[in-house]
N, C-alpha and C. Protein backbone atom coordinates (compact mmCIF):
# COMPACT_ATOMS: atom_id res chain seq x y z
N MET A 1 27.92 9.89 113.48
CA MET A 1 29.00 11.21 113.01
C MET A 1 28.91 11.81 114.66
N MET A 2 30.05 12.32 114.87
CA MET A 2 30.25 13.19 116.04
C MET A 2 29.24 14.48 115.99
N LYS A 3 28.95 14.93 117.26
CA LYS A 3 28.50 16.38 117.54
C LYS A 3 28.93 17.23 118.36
N LEU A 4 29.26 18.39 118.36
CA LEU A 4 29.83 19.19 119.07
C LEU A 4 28.38 20.10 119.79
N TYR A 5 28.28 20.24 120.89
CA TYR A 5 27.35 21.41 121.28
C TYR A 5 28.14 22.57 121.95
N TYR A 6 27.70 23.62 121.56
CA TYR A 6 28.53 24.95 121.88
C TYR A 6 27.63 26.20 122.02
N SER A 7 28.30 27.05 122.29
CA SER A 7 27.36 28.23 122.73
C SER A 7 28.30 29.60 122.30
N PRO A 8 27.80 30.55 121.32
CA PRO A 8 28.71 31.37 120.48
C PRO A 8 29.60 32.16 121.61
N LEU A 9 30.81 32.14 121.24
CA LEU A 9 31.85 32.90 121.70
C LEU A 9 32.11 32.05 123.61
N ALA A 10 31.52 31.05 123.73
CA ALA A 10 32.04 30.35 124.97
C ALA A 10 33.38 29.94 124.72
N CYS A 11 33.78 29.07 125.60
CA CYS A 11 35.21 28.47 125.30
C CYS A 11 35.06 26.97 124.18
N SER A 12 33.79 26.84 124.32
CA SER A 12 33.85 25.58 123.22
C SER A 12 34.04 25.95 121.69
N LEU A 13 34.30 27.65 121.33
CA LEU A 13 34.79 27.81 120.24
C LEU A 13 36.11 27.25 119.84
N ALA A 14 36.92 26.95 121.26
CA ALA A 14 38.35 26.29 120.87
C ALA A 14 38.10 25.02 120.16
N ASP A 15 37.04 24.24 120.53
CA ASP A 15 36.71 22.93 120.03
C ASP A 15 36.10 22.80 118.71
N HIS A 16 35.43 23.81 118.36
CA HIS A 16 34.86 24.16 116.95
C HIS A 16 36.23 24.15 116.29
N ILE A 17 36.70 24.92 116.55
CA ILE A 17 38.02 25.43 115.71
C ILE A 17 38.75 24.16 115.44
N ALA A 18 39.15 23.69 116.48
CA ALA A 18 40.04 22.18 116.44
C ALA A 18 39.51 21.42 115.61
N LEU A 19 38.21 21.01 115.33
CA LEU A 19 37.36 20.01 114.78
C LEU A 19 37.54 20.28 113.14
N LEU A 20 37.36 21.96 113.10
CA LEU A 20 37.39 22.19 111.84
C LEU A 20 39.03 21.97 111.17
N GLU A 21 39.92 22.15 112.02
CA GLU A 21 41.36 22.20 111.51
C GLU A 21 41.79 21.08 111.47
N ALA A 22 41.07 20.07 112.22
CA ALA A 22 41.59 18.57 111.89
C ALA A 22 40.60 17.85 110.72
N GLY A 23 39.59 18.22 110.69
CA GLY A 23 38.86 17.63 109.14
C GLY A 23 37.93 16.57 109.54
N PRO A 24 37.61 15.81 110.60
CA PRO A 24 36.74 14.86 110.83
C PRO A 24 35.45 15.48 110.53
N PRO A 25 34.49 14.55 109.90
CA PRO A 25 33.39 14.99 109.51
C PRO A 25 32.38 15.15 110.83
N PHE A 26 31.71 16.14 111.41
CA PHE A 26 30.72 16.40 112.72
C PHE A 26 29.80 17.40 112.62
N GLU A 27 28.69 16.89 113.27
CA GLU A 27 27.67 18.15 113.32
C GLU A 27 27.66 18.83 114.42
N ARG A 28 26.88 20.21 114.47
CA ARG A 28 27.18 21.11 115.53
C ARG A 28 25.74 21.23 116.11
N GLU A 29 25.43 21.81 117.32
CA GLU A 29 24.23 22.42 117.81
C GLU A 29 24.27 23.34 118.57
N GLN A 30 23.88 24.40 118.37
CA GLN A 30 23.69 25.38 119.46
C GLN A 30 22.57 25.30 120.72
N VAL A 31 23.42 25.75 122.00
CA VAL A 31 22.88 25.22 123.11
C VAL A 31 22.64 26.75 123.95
N ASP A 32 21.34 27.42 124.44
CA ASP A 32 20.94 28.42 125.22
C ASP A 32 21.55 28.15 126.48
N LEU A 33 22.44 28.43 126.93
CA LEU A 33 22.90 28.10 128.38
C LEU A 33 22.16 28.55 129.40
N ALA A 34 21.24 29.29 129.48
CA ALA A 34 20.31 29.93 130.40
C ALA A 34 19.16 28.83 130.62
N SER A 35 18.60 28.48 129.43
CA SER A 35 17.55 27.73 129.59
C SER A 35 18.04 25.82 129.37
N LYS A 36 18.96 26.20 128.88
CA LYS A 36 19.80 24.38 128.73
C LYS A 36 18.82 23.76 127.69
N ARG A 37 18.39 24.57 126.57
CA ARG A 37 17.82 23.99 125.33
C ARG A 37 18.70 23.94 124.15
N THR A 38 18.63 23.36 123.41
CA THR A 38 19.32 23.50 122.13
C THR A 38 18.62 23.98 121.01
N VAL A 39 19.21 24.70 120.21
CA VAL A 39 18.45 25.12 118.82
C VAL A 39 17.32 24.57 118.55
N SER A 40 17.47 23.07 118.62
CA SER A 40 16.41 22.32 118.06
C SER A 40 15.38 21.94 118.82
N GLY A 41 15.47 22.46 120.28
CA GLY A 41 14.51 22.23 121.25
C GLY A 41 14.48 21.34 122.27
N ALA A 42 15.98 20.49 122.31
CA ALA A 42 16.02 19.37 123.09
C ALA A 42 17.00 19.95 124.23
N ASP A 43 16.44 19.32 125.47
CA ASP A 43 16.94 19.13 126.78
C ASP A 43 18.63 18.74 126.56
N PHE A 44 19.27 20.25 126.85
CA PHE A 44 20.69 19.69 126.98
C PHE A 44 20.98 19.03 128.19
N ASN A 45 20.63 19.29 129.16
CA ASN A 45 20.56 18.36 130.15
C ASN A 45 20.72 16.59 130.20
N ALA A 46 19.98 16.37 129.21
CA ALA A 46 19.87 14.90 128.63
C ALA A 46 21.38 14.50 128.06
N VAL A 47 21.77 15.57 127.56
CA VAL A 47 23.06 15.23 126.96
C VAL A 47 24.07 15.56 127.88
N THR A 48 24.38 16.21 129.08
CA THR A 48 25.45 16.25 129.78
C THR A 48 24.61 17.12 131.33
N PRO A 49 24.73 16.59 132.51
CA PRO A 49 24.00 16.84 133.28
C PRO A 49 24.75 17.91 133.97
N LYS A 50 25.93 18.22 133.68
CA LYS A 50 26.75 19.28 133.92
C LYS A 50 26.12 20.64 133.59
N GLY A 51 25.19 20.78 132.35
CA GLY A 51 24.82 21.88 131.25
C GLY A 51 25.59 22.59 130.96
N CYS A 52 26.84 22.40 130.56
CA CYS A 52 28.12 23.38 130.35
C CYS A 52 28.36 22.86 129.11
N VAL A 53 28.93 24.05 128.06
CA VAL A 53 29.46 23.56 127.06
C VAL A 53 31.01 23.87 127.22
N PRO A 54 31.93 22.67 126.33
CA PRO A 54 31.67 21.82 125.21
C PRO A 54 31.05 20.65 125.77
N ALA A 55 30.43 20.11 125.01
CA ALA A 55 30.15 18.61 124.91
C ALA A 55 30.24 18.09 123.48
N LEU A 56 31.09 16.73 123.56
CA LEU A 56 31.22 16.23 122.28
C LEU A 56 30.70 15.14 122.38
N VAL A 57 29.98 14.48 121.34
CA VAL A 57 29.21 13.27 121.86
C VAL A 57 30.20 12.82 120.51
N LEU A 58 30.90 11.42 120.83
CA LEU A 58 31.37 10.71 119.99
C LEU A 58 30.62 9.50 118.68
N ASP A 59 31.32 9.33 117.90
CA ASP A 59 30.69 8.33 117.15
C ASP A 59 29.95 7.04 117.44
N ASP A 60 30.50 6.66 118.78
CA ASP A 60 30.19 5.62 119.33
C ASP A 60 29.09 6.07 120.41
N GLY A 61 28.61 7.16 120.24
CA GLY A 61 27.66 7.81 121.63
C GLY A 61 28.31 8.12 122.92
N GLU A 62 29.53 7.74 123.11
CA GLU A 62 30.17 8.50 124.39
C GLU A 62 30.15 9.88 124.43
N VAL A 63 30.07 10.26 125.54
CA VAL A 63 30.14 12.06 125.83
C VAL A 63 31.34 12.50 126.25
N LEU A 64 32.01 13.39 125.80
CA LEU A 64 32.86 13.93 126.56
C LEU A 64 32.65 15.60 126.96
N THR A 65 32.93 15.83 127.94
CA THR A 65 32.75 17.25 128.47
C THR A 65 34.15 17.93 128.68
N GLU A 66 34.42 19.09 129.21
CA GLU A 66 35.36 19.35 129.34
C GLU A 66 36.50 19.99 128.75
N ASN A 67 36.58 21.41 128.61
CA ASN A 67 37.40 22.02 127.52
C ASN A 67 38.72 21.15 127.31
N ILE A 68 39.70 20.87 128.68
CA ILE A 68 40.92 20.50 128.79
C ILE A 68 40.75 19.00 127.90
N ALA A 69 39.84 18.04 128.35
CA ALA A 69 39.47 16.59 127.81
C ALA A 69 39.40 16.71 126.42
N ILE A 70 38.30 17.46 126.17
CA ILE A 70 38.08 17.11 124.54
C ILE A 70 39.32 18.00 123.62
N LEU A 71 39.96 18.51 123.87
CA LEU A 71 40.91 19.35 123.17
C LEU A 71 42.36 18.40 123.25
N ASP A 72 42.54 17.94 124.51
CA ASP A 72 43.28 16.59 124.74
C ASP A 72 43.02 15.22 123.82
N TRP A 73 41.84 15.13 123.82
CA TRP A 73 41.12 13.79 122.73
C TRP A 73 41.69 14.19 121.29
N LEU A 74 41.06 15.39 120.68
CA LEU A 74 41.37 15.84 119.73
C LEU A 74 42.88 15.73 119.14
N ALA A 75 43.79 16.38 120.18
CA ALA A 75 45.19 16.45 119.67
C ALA A 75 45.66 15.02 119.89
N THR A 76 45.13 13.98 120.80
CA THR A 76 45.86 12.47 120.44
C THR A 76 45.07 11.86 119.16
N ARG A 77 44.12 12.56 118.64
CA ARG A 77 43.25 11.84 117.63
C ARG A 77 44.05 12.35 116.21
N HIS A 78 44.66 13.54 116.40
CA HIS A 78 45.07 14.50 115.27
C HIS A 78 46.47 15.12 115.91
N PRO A 79 47.50 14.08 115.67
CA PRO A 79 48.90 14.41 116.48
C PRO A 79 49.18 16.13 115.64
N GLU A 80 48.75 16.59 114.69
CA GLU A 80 49.36 17.69 114.04
C GLU A 80 48.72 18.95 114.93
N LEU A 81 47.89 18.79 115.79
CA LEU A 81 47.22 19.65 116.46
C LEU A 81 47.67 19.52 118.09
N GLY A 82 48.86 18.70 118.31
CA GLY A 82 49.31 18.49 119.58
C GLY A 82 50.77 18.81 119.71
N VAL A 83 51.25 18.23 120.39
CA VAL A 83 52.83 18.79 120.93
C VAL A 83 53.96 17.47 120.79
N PRO A 84 54.75 17.43 119.96
CA PRO A 84 55.61 16.25 119.39
C PRO A 84 56.61 16.06 120.56
N GLY A 85 57.32 14.95 120.94
CA GLY A 85 58.39 14.53 122.01
C GLY A 85 58.02 13.82 123.16
N GLU A 86 58.31 13.44 123.92
CA GLU A 86 58.50 12.57 125.01
C GLU A 86 57.45 13.22 126.08
N LEU A 87 57.74 14.33 125.80
CA LEU A 87 57.14 15.01 126.96
C LEU A 87 55.63 16.09 126.36
N GLY A 88 55.80 15.70 125.24
CA GLY A 88 55.01 16.66 124.36
C GLY A 88 53.26 16.78 125.00
N ARG A 89 52.90 15.51 125.30
CA ARG A 89 51.30 15.59 125.60
C ARG A 89 51.43 16.25 127.04
N THR A 90 52.18 16.06 128.22
CA THR A 90 52.59 16.66 129.23
C THR A 90 52.16 18.11 129.33
N ARG A 91 53.13 18.38 128.22
CA ARG A 91 53.60 20.11 128.12
C ARG A 91 52.06 20.37 127.85
N LEU A 92 51.48 19.97 126.45
CA LEU A 92 50.30 20.33 126.34
C LEU A 92 48.82 20.48 127.50
N VAL A 93 49.03 19.33 128.33
CA VAL A 93 48.36 19.35 129.06
C VAL A 93 48.41 20.48 130.17
N GLU A 94 49.44 20.78 130.55
CA GLU A 94 50.10 21.66 131.49
C GLU A 94 49.64 23.11 130.83
N ALA A 95 49.89 23.49 129.37
CA ALA A 95 49.35 24.65 129.19
C ALA A 95 47.96 24.80 128.89
N LEU A 96 46.96 23.56 128.75
CA LEU A 96 45.63 23.45 128.60
C LEU A 96 45.27 23.85 130.46
N ALA A 97 45.96 23.34 131.21
CA ALA A 97 45.31 23.34 132.40
C ALA A 97 45.48 25.04 133.09
N PHE A 98 46.94 25.18 132.53
CA PHE A 98 47.14 27.04 132.67
C PHE A 98 45.89 27.63 132.35
N ILE A 99 45.53 27.54 130.70
CA ILE A 99 44.74 28.43 130.41
C ILE A 99 43.42 28.52 130.90
N SER A 100 42.94 26.87 131.34
CA SER A 100 41.86 26.56 132.01
C SER A 100 41.47 27.30 133.45
N THR A 101 42.15 26.90 134.06
CA THR A 101 42.27 26.84 135.66
C THR A 101 42.53 28.60 136.11
N GLU A 102 43.59 28.89 135.45
CA GLU A 102 43.95 30.32 135.74
C GLU A 102 43.46 31.58 135.05
N ILE A 103 43.54 31.44 133.71
CA ILE A 103 43.17 32.63 132.90
C ILE A 103 41.92 32.46 132.48
N HIS A 104 41.12 31.27 132.22
CA HIS A 104 39.57 31.44 131.90
C HIS A 104 38.91 31.45 133.27
N HIS A 105 39.43 31.11 134.27
CA HIS A 105 38.87 31.13 135.80
C HIS A 105 38.75 32.80 136.21
N GLY A 106 39.88 33.40 135.91
CA GLY A 106 40.05 34.54 136.14
C GLY A 106 39.05 35.97 135.63
N PHE A 107 38.20 35.27 134.49
CA PHE A 107 37.32 35.74 134.06
C PHE A 107 35.76 35.83 134.78
N LYS A 108 35.89 35.37 135.65
CA LYS A 108 34.60 34.91 136.51
C LYS A 108 33.75 36.48 137.02
N PRO A 109 34.21 37.35 137.27
CA PRO A 109 33.80 38.41 137.65
C PRO A 109 33.32 39.09 136.47
N MET A 110 33.80 39.30 135.19
CA MET A 110 33.24 39.67 134.28
C MET A 110 31.81 39.00 133.92
N TRP A 111 31.89 37.84 133.82
CA TRP A 111 31.04 37.10 133.27
C TRP A 111 29.19 37.09 134.13
N HIS A 112 30.25 37.26 135.50
CA HIS A 112 29.03 36.71 136.58
C HIS A 112 28.91 38.14 137.36
N GLY A 113 28.68 39.03 136.65
CA GLY A 113 28.36 40.17 137.69
C GLY A 113 29.13 40.72 138.81
N GLY A 114 30.34 40.44 138.55
CA GLY A 114 31.43 40.99 139.88
C GLY A 114 31.59 42.56 140.06
N SER A 115 31.73 43.05 141.37
CA SER A 115 31.83 44.37 141.19
C SER A 115 32.92 45.00 140.62
N GLU A 116 32.81 46.60 140.52
CA GLU A 116 33.58 47.40 139.56
C GLU A 116 35.14 46.90 139.94
N LEU A 117 35.76 46.73 141.42
CA LEU A 117 36.58 46.60 142.10
C LEU A 117 37.17 44.94 141.57
N GLN A 118 36.20 44.07 141.89
CA GLN A 118 36.43 42.61 141.58
C GLN A 118 37.14 42.61 139.90
N LYS A 119 36.26 43.40 139.04
CA LYS A 119 36.46 43.56 137.71
C LYS A 119 38.02 43.95 137.57
N ALA A 120 38.27 45.18 138.36
CA ALA A 120 39.45 45.62 137.85
C ALA A 120 40.85 44.68 138.20
N GLU A 121 40.52 44.14 139.29
CA GLU A 121 41.54 43.33 140.01
C GLU A 121 41.63 42.15 139.06
N ALA A 122 40.65 41.63 138.37
CA ALA A 122 40.72 40.23 137.62
C ALA A 122 41.20 40.97 136.24
N ARG A 123 41.13 41.91 135.65
CA ARG A 123 42.10 42.66 134.57
C ARG A 123 43.28 42.69 134.54
N GLN A 124 43.75 43.02 135.87
CA GLN A 124 45.09 43.10 136.00
C GLN A 124 45.80 41.93 136.14
N LYS A 125 44.86 40.75 136.90
CA LYS A 125 45.73 39.54 136.92
C LYS A 125 45.53 38.80 135.63
N ILE A 126 44.66 38.85 135.02
CA ILE A 126 44.77 38.03 133.39
C ILE A 126 45.80 38.78 132.81
N SER A 127 45.92 39.92 132.56
CA SER A 127 47.21 40.44 132.02
C SER A 127 48.38 40.16 132.12
N GLY A 128 48.62 39.85 133.57
CA GLY A 128 50.05 39.53 133.67
C GLY A 128 50.12 37.83 133.35
N LEU A 129 49.09 37.14 133.50
CA LEU A 129 48.84 35.67 133.28
C LEU A 129 49.30 35.42 131.85
N LEU A 130 48.56 36.54 131.18
CA LEU A 130 48.77 36.23 129.66
C LEU A 130 50.16 36.90 129.03
N ALA A 131 50.93 37.56 130.13
CA ALA A 131 52.68 38.15 130.06
C ALA A 131 53.15 36.98 130.07
N ILE A 132 52.78 36.01 130.92
CA ILE A 132 53.54 34.63 131.11
C ILE A 132 53.54 33.81 130.08
N LEU A 133 52.33 33.54 129.53
CA LEU A 133 52.25 33.09 128.31
C LEU A 133 52.98 33.40 127.16
N ALA A 134 53.00 34.72 127.06
CA ALA A 134 53.60 35.69 125.93
C ALA A 134 55.39 35.27 126.09
N SER A 135 55.74 35.13 127.60
CA SER A 135 57.01 35.08 127.66
C SER A 135 57.52 33.75 127.23
N ASP A 136 56.72 32.74 126.97
CA ASP A 136 56.99 31.29 126.81
C ASP A 136 56.82 30.73 125.33
N LEU A 137 56.29 31.84 124.62
CA LEU A 137 56.22 31.44 123.17
C LEU A 137 57.57 30.80 122.81
N ALA A 138 57.28 29.58 122.14
CA ALA A 138 58.06 28.93 121.23
C ALA A 138 58.20 29.37 119.72
N GLY A 139 57.78 30.34 119.55
CA GLY A 139 57.66 30.59 117.79
C GLY A 139 56.31 31.53 117.36
N ASP A 140 55.86 31.24 116.28
CA ASP A 140 54.50 32.08 116.31
C ASP A 140 53.37 31.89 117.02
N TYR A 141 53.44 30.65 117.55
CA TYR A 141 52.44 30.20 118.85
C TYR A 141 53.03 29.38 119.62
N ILE A 142 52.17 28.99 120.42
CA ILE A 142 52.79 28.56 121.88
C ILE A 142 53.77 27.63 121.87
N PHE A 143 53.76 26.52 121.10
CA PHE A 143 54.78 25.22 121.22
C PHE A 143 55.47 25.51 119.65
N GLY A 144 55.52 26.48 118.70
CA GLY A 144 56.48 26.64 117.64
C GLY A 144 55.74 27.61 116.58
N PRO A 145 55.93 26.65 115.35
CA PRO A 145 55.41 27.78 114.30
C PRO A 145 54.07 27.43 113.69
N THR A 146 53.66 26.35 114.17
CA THR A 146 52.37 25.72 113.92
C THR A 146 51.50 26.08 115.29
N PRO A 147 50.00 26.35 115.08
CA PRO A 147 48.88 26.21 115.91
C PRO A 147 48.51 24.81 116.35
N GLY A 148 48.04 24.56 117.48
CA GLY A 148 47.47 23.39 117.98
C GLY A 148 46.50 23.78 119.36
N VAL A 149 45.82 22.80 119.72
CA VAL A 149 44.69 22.91 120.35
C VAL A 149 44.83 23.73 121.45
N ALA A 150 45.95 24.28 122.07
CA ALA A 150 46.16 25.40 123.35
C ALA A 150 46.19 26.73 122.71
N ASP A 151 46.55 26.80 121.45
CA ASP A 151 46.64 28.13 120.73
C ASP A 151 45.08 28.33 120.65
N PHE A 152 44.08 27.10 120.04
CA PHE A 152 42.87 27.46 119.69
C PHE A 152 42.15 28.08 121.40
N TYR A 153 42.29 27.34 122.18
CA TYR A 153 41.88 28.12 123.32
C TYR A 153 42.50 29.34 124.08
N LEU A 154 43.72 29.37 123.68
CA LEU A 154 44.34 31.01 124.05
C LEU A 154 43.48 31.84 123.09
N PHE A 155 43.02 31.69 121.64
CA PHE A 155 42.57 32.69 121.01
C PHE A 155 41.06 33.16 121.84
N VAL A 156 40.51 32.37 122.48
CA VAL A 156 39.24 32.43 122.79
C VAL A 156 39.34 33.32 124.08
N MET A 157 40.44 33.08 124.68
CA MET A 157 40.43 33.95 126.01
C MET A 157 41.01 35.39 125.44
N LEU A 158 41.73 35.67 124.06
CA LEU A 158 42.40 36.60 124.11
C LEU A 158 40.99 37.40 123.08
N LEU A 159 40.21 36.95 122.74
CA LEU A 159 38.96 37.62 122.20
C LEU A 159 38.08 38.24 123.45
N TRP A 160 38.07 37.07 124.62
CA TRP A 160 37.34 37.78 125.98
C TRP A 160 38.39 38.88 126.39
N ALA A 161 39.45 38.94 126.42
CA ALA A 161 40.20 40.03 126.82
C ALA A 161 40.08 41.19 126.04
N GLU A 162 40.00 41.25 124.78
CA GLU A 162 39.39 42.27 124.04
C GLU A 162 37.90 42.80 124.43
N ARG A 163 37.07 41.93 124.52
CA ARG A 163 35.96 42.37 125.07
C ARG A 163 35.76 43.21 126.10
N PHE A 164 36.77 42.61 127.06
CA PHE A 164 36.77 43.14 128.41
C PHE A 164 37.67 44.25 128.94
N ASP A 165 38.16 44.65 127.46
CA ASP A 165 39.37 45.91 127.61
C ASP A 165 40.34 45.25 128.89
N ILE A 166 40.97 44.40 128.47
CA ILE A 166 42.23 43.52 129.16
C ILE A 166 43.44 43.85 128.49
N ALA A 167 44.68 44.50 128.77
CA ALA A 167 45.58 44.48 128.40
C ALA A 167 46.16 43.16 127.81
N ILE A 168 46.82 43.38 126.63
CA ILE A 168 47.25 42.18 125.97
C ILE A 168 48.44 42.32 125.30
N PRO A 169 49.70 41.49 125.74
CA PRO A 169 50.78 41.70 125.35
C PRO A 169 51.14 41.59 123.94
N ALA A 170 52.04 42.54 123.55
CA ALA A 170 52.17 42.56 121.94
C ALA A 170 52.22 41.19 120.86
N LEU A 171 53.21 40.34 121.50
CA LEU A 171 53.31 39.31 120.89
C LEU A 171 51.79 38.33 120.78
N LEU A 172 51.14 38.52 121.98
CA LEU A 172 49.85 37.94 121.75
C LEU A 172 48.84 38.42 120.83
N VAL A 173 48.83 39.91 120.89
CA VAL A 173 48.03 40.28 120.03
C VAL A 173 48.42 40.11 118.27
N ALA A 174 49.62 39.78 118.50
CA ALA A 174 50.15 39.10 116.75
C ALA A 174 49.53 37.84 116.68
N LEU A 175 49.78 36.95 117.49
CA LEU A 175 49.18 35.70 117.53
C LEU A 175 47.47 35.52 117.34
N ARG A 176 46.82 36.48 117.84
CA ARG A 176 45.82 36.51 117.62
C ARG A 176 45.12 37.09 116.30
N ARG A 177 45.82 37.87 115.55
CA ARG A 177 45.77 38.49 114.36
C ARG A 177 46.25 36.93 113.32
N ARG A 178 47.27 36.12 113.79
CA ARG A 178 47.49 35.08 112.66
C ARG A 178 46.09 34.04 112.81
N MET A 179 45.73 33.85 114.00
CA MET A 179 44.82 32.97 114.30
C MET A 179 43.88 33.40 113.74
N ALA A 180 43.04 34.85 113.95
CA ALA A 180 41.87 35.16 112.77
C ALA A 180 41.98 35.15 111.71
N ASP A 181 43.36 34.78 110.75
CA ASP A 181 43.33 34.72 109.24
C ASP A 181 43.15 33.46 108.88
N ARG A 182 43.27 32.42 109.67
CA ARG A 182 43.14 30.97 109.67
C ARG A 182 41.70 30.73 109.00
N PRO A 183 41.56 30.34 107.65
CA PRO A 183 40.29 29.81 107.46
C PRO A 183 39.36 28.83 108.42
N ALA A 184 39.96 28.28 109.07
CA ALA A 184 38.83 27.12 110.40
C ALA A 184 38.60 28.22 111.18
N VAL A 185 39.40 29.23 111.61
CA VAL A 185 38.80 30.24 112.59
C VAL A 185 37.70 30.63 112.40
N ARG A 186 37.89 31.22 111.12
CA ARG A 186 36.76 32.05 110.27
C ARG A 186 35.59 31.44 110.13
N ALA A 187 35.80 30.30 109.64
CA ALA A 187 34.76 29.54 109.29
C ALA A 187 33.81 28.99 110.95
N ALA A 188 34.49 28.60 112.07
CA ALA A 188 33.79 28.51 113.10
C ALA A 188 33.13 29.66 113.63
N MET A 189 33.99 30.93 113.35
CA MET A 189 33.48 32.17 114.15
C MET A 189 31.84 32.68 113.20
N ARG A 190 32.06 32.33 111.78
CA ARG A 190 30.81 32.81 110.97
C ARG A 190 29.77 31.90 111.48
N SER A 191 30.28 30.11 111.45
CA SER A 191 28.74 29.16 112.06
C SER A 191 28.66 29.76 113.19
N GLU A 192 29.31 30.57 114.14
CA GLU A 192 28.64 30.97 115.50
C GLU A 192 28.06 32.58 115.69
N GLY A 193 27.96 32.87 114.25
CA GLY A 193 27.24 34.30 114.04
C GLY A 193 28.44 35.41 115.03
N LEU A 194 29.37 35.28 114.53
CA LEU A 194 30.59 36.16 114.99
C LEU A 194 31.12 36.89 114.27
N ASP A 195 30.49 37.12 113.27
CA ASP A 195 31.05 38.00 112.08
C ASP A 195 31.71 39.17 112.24
N ASN A 196 30.91 39.92 113.44
CA ASN A 196 31.59 41.46 113.53
C ASN A 196 33.03 41.28 114.25
N LEU A 197 33.02 40.18 115.14
CA LEU A 197 34.54 39.94 115.32
C LEU A 197 35.49 39.90 114.54
N ILE A 198 35.17 39.09 113.59
CA ILE A 198 36.21 38.98 112.52
C ILE A 198 36.41 39.83 111.63
N GLU A 199 35.35 41.19 111.52
CA GLU A 199 35.78 42.24 110.75
C GLU A 199 36.40 43.62 111.66
N THR A 200 36.20 43.19 113.02
CA THR A 200 37.07 44.33 114.01
C THR A 200 38.41 43.66 113.98
N MET A 201 38.64 42.36 113.83
CA MET A 201 40.11 41.91 113.54
C MET A 201 40.86 42.19 112.63
N VAL A 202 40.05 42.22 111.55
CA VAL A 202 40.68 42.68 109.81
C VAL A 202 41.08 43.92 110.27
N SER A 203 40.12 44.93 110.59
CA SER A 203 40.11 46.23 110.63
C SER A 203 41.18 46.79 111.76
N GLN A 204 41.82 45.97 112.61
CA GLN A 204 42.93 46.42 113.23
C GLN A 204 44.13 45.75 112.69
N SER A 205 43.94 44.94 112.00
CA SER A 205 45.62 44.25 111.27
C SER A 205 46.01 45.29 110.24
């Protein structure tokens, strides 16, 4: 059985949601990123020397790392989470890369002790990047009326944006609320001990 290694509210939440949306059987194990130990006491560096979540151990023992790779693999295995059409997979990777390399990376000053000036600059930059995504929405979600793996990753970034008081375009606030109403999203967040965030989003809707 597959196993997802995650840390609460890390980007691995996107993979957690995707697995629950797709429905394959899987186990999950929390990782303390500071000590590199799992909740069972195992050495996470033995799973992946990168020491970062997410890590997904496949049924055959192969280990996938990096959010883009895992989400792309899940979308390939479960096309309902991907993008149809000749350029579908390319457009999906394009969106995942933008979220990862531009938006996700932009949060570095917030998570890693940046100065107040660096944090202010990051807030402004991330808000602008989110505005670009909002202008490109093809419907209720990035690629149309139903969510896919890119939306799950974006949802985590929107949670981070709220945490760090970053301005979010109204269209993406609405997307975040729609995502928060999905059973798989709620199940993943509850499993990670994020019930307080669920209640916050419910009160804001």
